[in-house]
Structure formats: structure tokens, C-alpha cells
N, C-alpha and C. Protein backbone atom coordinates (compact mmCIF):
# COMPACT_ATOMS: atom_id res chain seq x y z
N MET A 1 -15.90 14.95 38.04
CA MET A 1 -17.28 15.22 37.70
C MET A 1 -17.32 16.08 36.44
N ILE A 2 -18.21 15.75 35.54
CA ILE A 2 -18.41 16.50 34.30
C ILE A 2 -19.62 17.40 34.48
N GLU A 3 -19.43 18.68 34.22
CA GLU A 3 -20.54 19.63 34.33
C GLU A 3 -21.33 19.66 33.03
N SER A 4 -22.66 19.70 33.15
CA SER A 4 -23.52 19.74 31.99
C SER A 4 -24.82 20.46 32.35
N ARG A 5 -25.39 21.12 31.38
CA ARG A 5 -26.67 21.80 31.59
C ARG A 5 -27.83 20.81 31.65
N GLN A 6 -27.62 19.64 31.09
CA GLN A 6 -28.67 18.64 31.02
C GLN A 6 -28.20 17.33 31.66
N VAL A 7 -29.17 16.55 32.08
CA VAL A 7 -28.89 15.18 32.52
C VAL A 7 -28.91 14.33 31.26
N HIS A 8 -27.86 13.57 31.05
CA HIS A 8 -27.77 12.71 29.88
C HIS A 8 -28.10 11.28 30.29
N LEU A 9 -29.05 10.69 29.58
CA LEU A 9 -29.47 9.32 29.86
C LEU A 9 -29.33 8.48 28.61
N THR A 10 -28.77 7.29 28.77
CA THR A 10 -28.73 6.33 27.67
C THR A 10 -29.91 5.39 27.88
N VAL A 11 -30.73 5.29 26.85
CA VAL A 11 -31.99 4.55 26.97
C VAL A 11 -32.13 3.57 25.81
N PRO A 12 -32.96 2.53 25.98
CA PRO A 12 -33.19 1.60 24.86
C PRO A 12 -34.08 2.25 23.80
N ALA A 13 -34.05 1.70 22.61
CA ALA A 13 -34.89 2.18 21.51
C ALA A 13 -36.35 2.15 21.95
N GLY A 14 -37.09 3.17 21.57
CA GLY A 14 -38.51 3.25 21.90
C GLY A 14 -38.81 4.05 23.15
N PHE A 15 -37.79 4.32 23.97
CA PHE A 15 -38.00 5.11 25.19
C PHE A 15 -38.16 6.57 24.80
N THR A 16 -39.15 7.24 25.38
CA THR A 16 -39.34 8.66 25.09
C THR A 16 -39.52 9.45 26.38
N SER A 17 -39.17 10.70 26.30
CA SER A 17 -39.34 11.62 27.42
C SER A 17 -39.32 13.03 26.85
N ARG A 18 -40.12 13.89 27.41
CA ARG A 18 -40.13 15.29 26.99
C ARG A 18 -39.81 16.15 28.20
N ASN A 19 -38.55 16.47 28.32
CA ASN A 19 -38.10 17.30 29.42
C ASN A 19 -36.83 18.01 28.95
N ASP A 20 -36.85 19.34 28.95
CA ASP A 20 -35.71 20.10 28.46
C ASP A 20 -34.45 19.88 29.29
N ALA A 21 -34.59 19.40 30.50
CA ALA A 21 -33.43 19.17 31.37
C ALA A 21 -32.77 17.82 31.11
N VAL A 22 -33.40 17.01 30.25
CA VAL A 22 -32.90 15.66 30.00
C VAL A 22 -32.57 15.50 28.52
N ARG A 23 -31.42 14.92 28.25
CA ARG A 23 -31.03 14.60 26.87
C ARG A 23 -30.89 13.10 26.77
N LEU A 24 -31.64 12.51 25.86
CA LEU A 24 -31.64 11.05 25.70
C LEU A 24 -30.68 10.62 24.60
N HIS A 25 -29.99 9.52 24.85
CA HIS A 25 -29.11 8.89 23.89
C HIS A 25 -29.56 7.43 23.79
N VAL A 26 -29.85 6.98 22.59
CA VAL A 26 -30.37 5.62 22.39
C VAL A 26 -29.21 4.67 22.10
N ALA A 27 -29.15 3.58 22.86
CA ALA A 27 -28.12 2.56 22.63
C ALA A 27 -28.52 1.27 23.32
N ASP A 28 -28.09 0.17 22.75
CA ASP A 28 -28.22 -1.13 23.40
C ASP A 28 -26.89 -1.38 24.10
N LEU A 29 -26.91 -1.37 25.41
CA LEU A 29 -25.68 -1.51 26.18
C LEU A 29 -25.46 -2.95 26.62
N PRO A 30 -24.22 -3.42 26.57
CA PRO A 30 -23.93 -4.75 27.09
C PRO A 30 -24.09 -4.76 28.61
N ALA A 31 -24.42 -5.91 29.14
CA ALA A 31 -24.64 -6.04 30.59
C ALA A 31 -23.41 -5.60 31.39
N ALA A 32 -22.22 -5.77 30.83
CA ALA A 32 -21.00 -5.38 31.54
C ALA A 32 -20.89 -3.87 31.77
N ASP A 33 -21.65 -3.11 31.01
CA ASP A 33 -21.62 -1.64 31.13
C ASP A 33 -22.72 -1.10 32.03
N ILE A 34 -23.49 -1.98 32.67
CA ILE A 34 -24.64 -1.56 33.47
C ILE A 34 -24.48 -2.04 34.91
N VAL A 35 -24.85 -1.15 35.84
CA VAL A 35 -24.86 -1.49 37.26
C VAL A 35 -26.28 -1.30 37.77
N ASN A 36 -26.81 -2.30 38.47
CA ASN A 36 -28.15 -2.18 39.05
C ASN A 36 -28.07 -1.52 40.41
N ARG A 37 -28.89 -0.52 40.59
CA ARG A 37 -29.05 0.16 41.87
C ARG A 37 -30.51 -0.02 42.28
N PRO A 38 -30.82 0.15 43.55
CA PRO A 38 -32.22 0.00 43.96
C PRO A 38 -33.15 0.95 43.17
N GLY A 39 -33.99 0.38 42.35
CA GLY A 39 -34.98 1.16 41.62
C GLY A 39 -34.55 1.68 40.26
N PHE A 40 -33.27 1.54 39.89
CA PHE A 40 -32.83 2.04 38.60
C PHE A 40 -31.50 1.38 38.21
N ARG A 41 -31.12 1.59 36.96
CA ARG A 41 -29.84 1.09 36.46
C ARG A 41 -29.02 2.26 35.96
N VAL A 42 -27.70 2.16 36.11
CA VAL A 42 -26.79 3.20 35.64
C VAL A 42 -25.65 2.56 34.87
N THR A 43 -24.98 3.36 34.07
CA THR A 43 -23.79 2.85 33.40
C THR A 43 -22.63 2.87 34.38
N THR A 44 -21.69 1.99 34.15
CA THR A 44 -20.50 1.93 34.99
C THR A 44 -19.71 3.23 34.84
N PRO A 45 -18.89 3.57 35.81
CA PRO A 45 -18.05 4.76 35.66
C PRO A 45 -17.21 4.72 34.39
N LEU A 46 -16.70 3.55 34.05
CA LEU A 46 -15.90 3.39 32.85
C LEU A 46 -16.70 3.75 31.60
N ARG A 47 -17.89 3.18 31.48
CA ARG A 47 -18.74 3.47 30.31
C ARG A 47 -19.17 4.93 30.30
N SER A 48 -19.49 5.47 31.46
CA SER A 48 -19.92 6.87 31.54
C SER A 48 -18.82 7.81 31.04
N LEU A 49 -17.58 7.56 31.44
CA LEU A 49 -16.48 8.40 30.98
C LEU A 49 -16.31 8.32 29.46
N VAL A 50 -16.40 7.13 28.91
CA VAL A 50 -16.26 6.98 27.46
C VAL A 50 -17.42 7.68 26.75
N ASP A 51 -18.64 7.51 27.25
CA ASP A 51 -19.80 8.12 26.61
C ASP A 51 -19.73 9.65 26.60
N VAL A 52 -19.39 10.25 27.73
CA VAL A 52 -19.34 11.71 27.75
C VAL A 52 -18.21 12.22 26.89
N THR A 53 -17.14 11.47 26.80
CA THR A 53 -16.02 11.86 25.96
C THR A 53 -16.41 11.82 24.49
N ALA A 54 -17.11 10.77 24.09
CA ALA A 54 -17.52 10.61 22.69
C ALA A 54 -18.46 11.73 22.25
N ARG A 55 -19.21 12.29 23.18
CA ARG A 55 -20.17 13.35 22.84
C ARG A 55 -19.57 14.73 22.93
N GLY A 56 -18.31 14.81 23.30
CA GLY A 56 -17.62 16.09 23.38
C GLY A 56 -17.66 16.66 24.78
N VAL A 57 -16.50 16.94 25.31
CA VAL A 57 -16.40 17.46 26.66
C VAL A 57 -15.12 18.29 26.75
N ASP A 58 -15.13 19.27 27.62
CA ASP A 58 -13.95 20.08 27.86
C ASP A 58 -12.82 19.18 28.36
N GLU A 59 -11.63 19.32 27.77
CA GLU A 59 -10.52 18.44 28.12
C GLU A 59 -10.08 18.58 29.57
N ASP A 60 -10.15 19.78 30.11
CA ASP A 60 -9.79 19.96 31.53
C ASP A 60 -10.78 19.23 32.43
N GLN A 61 -12.07 19.35 32.13
CA GLN A 61 -13.08 18.62 32.91
C GLN A 61 -12.87 17.12 32.79
N LEU A 62 -12.57 16.66 31.59
CA LEU A 62 -12.34 15.24 31.38
C LEU A 62 -11.13 14.76 32.17
N ALA A 63 -10.05 15.51 32.14
CA ALA A 63 -8.85 15.13 32.90
C ALA A 63 -9.16 15.05 34.39
N ARG A 64 -9.93 16.01 34.91
CA ARG A 64 -10.30 15.97 36.33
C ARG A 64 -11.18 14.76 36.64
N ALA A 65 -12.13 14.47 35.76
CA ALA A 65 -13.02 13.33 35.98
C ALA A 65 -12.25 12.01 35.96
N ILE A 66 -11.33 11.87 35.02
CA ILE A 66 -10.52 10.66 34.95
C ILE A 66 -9.66 10.53 36.20
N THR A 67 -9.04 11.62 36.60
CA THR A 67 -8.21 11.61 37.81
C THR A 67 -9.02 11.18 39.02
N GLU A 68 -10.21 11.76 39.18
CA GLU A 68 -11.06 11.42 40.32
C GLU A 68 -11.47 9.94 40.28
N ALA A 69 -11.91 9.48 39.12
CA ALA A 69 -12.34 8.08 39.00
C ALA A 69 -11.18 7.13 39.26
N HIS A 70 -10.02 7.48 38.79
CA HIS A 70 -8.84 6.63 38.99
C HIS A 70 -8.42 6.63 40.46
N GLN A 71 -8.39 7.80 41.08
CA GLN A 71 -8.00 7.88 42.49
C GLN A 71 -8.98 7.14 43.40
N ARG A 72 -10.25 7.12 43.03
CA ARG A 72 -11.27 6.42 43.82
C ARG A 72 -11.31 4.92 43.51
N GLY A 73 -10.47 4.48 42.58
CA GLY A 73 -10.42 3.06 42.25
C GLY A 73 -11.56 2.59 41.38
N LEU A 74 -12.24 3.51 40.71
CA LEU A 74 -13.39 3.15 39.88
C LEU A 74 -12.99 2.70 38.48
N VAL A 75 -11.84 3.17 38.00
CA VAL A 75 -11.34 2.79 36.68
C VAL A 75 -9.82 2.70 36.74
N SER A 76 -9.27 1.87 35.88
CA SER A 76 -7.83 1.90 35.67
C SER A 76 -7.59 2.58 34.33
N ILE A 77 -6.43 3.14 34.17
CA ILE A 77 -6.10 3.82 32.91
C ILE A 77 -6.10 2.80 31.77
N ARG A 78 -5.61 1.62 32.03
CA ARG A 78 -5.59 0.57 31.00
C ARG A 78 -7.01 0.21 30.56
N GLN A 79 -7.92 0.03 31.53
CA GLN A 79 -9.32 -0.28 31.21
C GLN A 79 -9.94 0.85 30.40
N LEU A 80 -9.68 2.08 30.81
CA LEU A 80 -10.26 3.23 30.14
C LEU A 80 -9.81 3.31 28.68
N ARG A 81 -8.52 3.13 28.47
CA ARG A 81 -8.00 3.16 27.10
C ARG A 81 -8.63 2.05 26.26
N ALA A 82 -8.65 0.85 26.78
CA ALA A 82 -9.17 -0.30 26.03
C ALA A 82 -10.65 -0.15 25.72
N ARG A 83 -11.43 0.28 26.71
CA ARG A 83 -12.88 0.41 26.50
C ARG A 83 -13.18 1.52 25.51
N ALA A 84 -12.45 2.63 25.61
CA ALA A 84 -12.66 3.74 24.67
C ALA A 84 -12.34 3.31 23.24
N GLU A 85 -11.25 2.58 23.06
CA GLU A 85 -10.89 2.11 21.73
C GLU A 85 -11.94 1.16 21.17
N ALA A 86 -12.55 0.36 22.04
CA ALA A 86 -13.57 -0.60 21.60
C ALA A 86 -14.89 0.08 21.25
N ILE A 87 -15.19 1.19 21.92
CA ILE A 87 -16.49 1.84 21.73
C ILE A 87 -16.46 2.95 20.70
N ASP A 88 -15.44 3.82 20.76
CA ASP A 88 -15.45 5.01 19.93
C ASP A 88 -14.04 5.55 19.75
N ALA A 89 -13.55 5.56 18.52
CA ALA A 89 -12.19 6.02 18.24
C ALA A 89 -12.00 7.49 18.63
N LYS A 90 -13.02 8.30 18.41
CA LYS A 90 -12.95 9.72 18.77
C LYS A 90 -12.78 9.86 20.29
N ALA A 91 -13.52 9.09 21.04
CA ALA A 91 -13.41 9.13 22.50
C ALA A 91 -12.02 8.70 22.93
N ALA A 92 -11.48 7.67 22.28
CA ALA A 92 -10.14 7.21 22.63
C ALA A 92 -9.11 8.31 22.42
N LEU A 93 -9.25 9.07 21.35
CA LEU A 93 -8.33 10.18 21.07
C LEU A 93 -8.42 11.25 22.16
N TYR A 94 -9.64 11.65 22.52
CA TYR A 94 -9.82 12.68 23.54
C TYR A 94 -9.34 12.19 24.92
N ILE A 95 -9.53 10.92 25.19
CA ILE A 95 -9.05 10.38 26.46
C ILE A 95 -7.53 10.41 26.49
N GLU A 96 -6.88 10.09 25.39
CA GLU A 96 -5.41 10.17 25.34
C GLU A 96 -4.94 11.61 25.58
N ARG A 97 -5.63 12.57 24.99
CA ARG A 97 -5.26 13.98 25.21
C ARG A 97 -5.43 14.35 26.67
N ALA A 98 -6.52 13.90 27.28
CA ALA A 98 -6.75 14.20 28.70
C ALA A 98 -5.68 13.55 29.56
N LEU A 99 -5.28 12.33 29.23
CA LEU A 99 -4.24 11.65 29.99
C LEU A 99 -2.91 12.38 29.86
N GLN A 100 -2.63 12.94 28.71
CA GLN A 100 -1.42 13.73 28.53
C GLN A 100 -1.45 14.98 29.42
N ARG A 101 -2.62 15.61 29.57
CA ARG A 101 -2.76 16.76 30.45
C ARG A 101 -2.49 16.35 31.90
N MET A 102 -2.94 15.15 32.25
CA MET A 102 -2.76 14.67 33.62
C MET A 102 -1.28 14.45 33.91
N ASP A 103 -0.52 13.99 32.90
CA ASP A 103 0.90 13.72 33.08
C ASP A 103 1.74 14.99 33.10
N ALA A 104 1.19 16.06 32.53
CA ALA A 104 1.96 17.32 32.42
C ALA A 104 2.06 18.05 33.74
């Protein structure tokens, strides 16, 4: 789990909200990165990890989040590396650093 003072939401262009507890990020997400839940949609655990990494996150928190997601069978390390490289080079770098912490 990644700790944050705000709830981060990825929304389509044109979506607005005024709430100090919410931080909006605008993006057009591919269907493969979205999971439908009753009444709302969320990003997949894989996409969520890449997104929070790209926006900057404590490496220890990231390593714990990756470990938890991997242990729960939500992501594979191979998928995480590939998706991060496809979405954001900076995220891929931070994920590699977190994976090195996990191996240490």
C-alpha cells in the first residue's frame, strides 16, 4: 500500500472536481488498464503501481507495495517491468531500484 495525503484519480479530459483531498490526473487509459467494479471503474493493480511510481514515491513504500501485489498474485515482476517501460521510463527506473531493494 502506498501512503498519500490525497486520493489520486486518473480521469478523462474535461472531468473536474474541487476537493483538496483529491488530486486529479488526466489521461486516456487503454481498456486493458481498467477494471469495472459495481458503480465505478479503477485502474488495474499493475497500472496503479506504474502510475504512482511515475509521480514519485518513497522507494521503501514502493518496494513494499510491489512485494504485496506480487505475493497476492496481482502482478508478476515481468509484467511490471514491461508495463513500466511501455508507459514511463522514469517509472521503470524507480521500479528497478525498488526491485533491487526487495532482493537485498
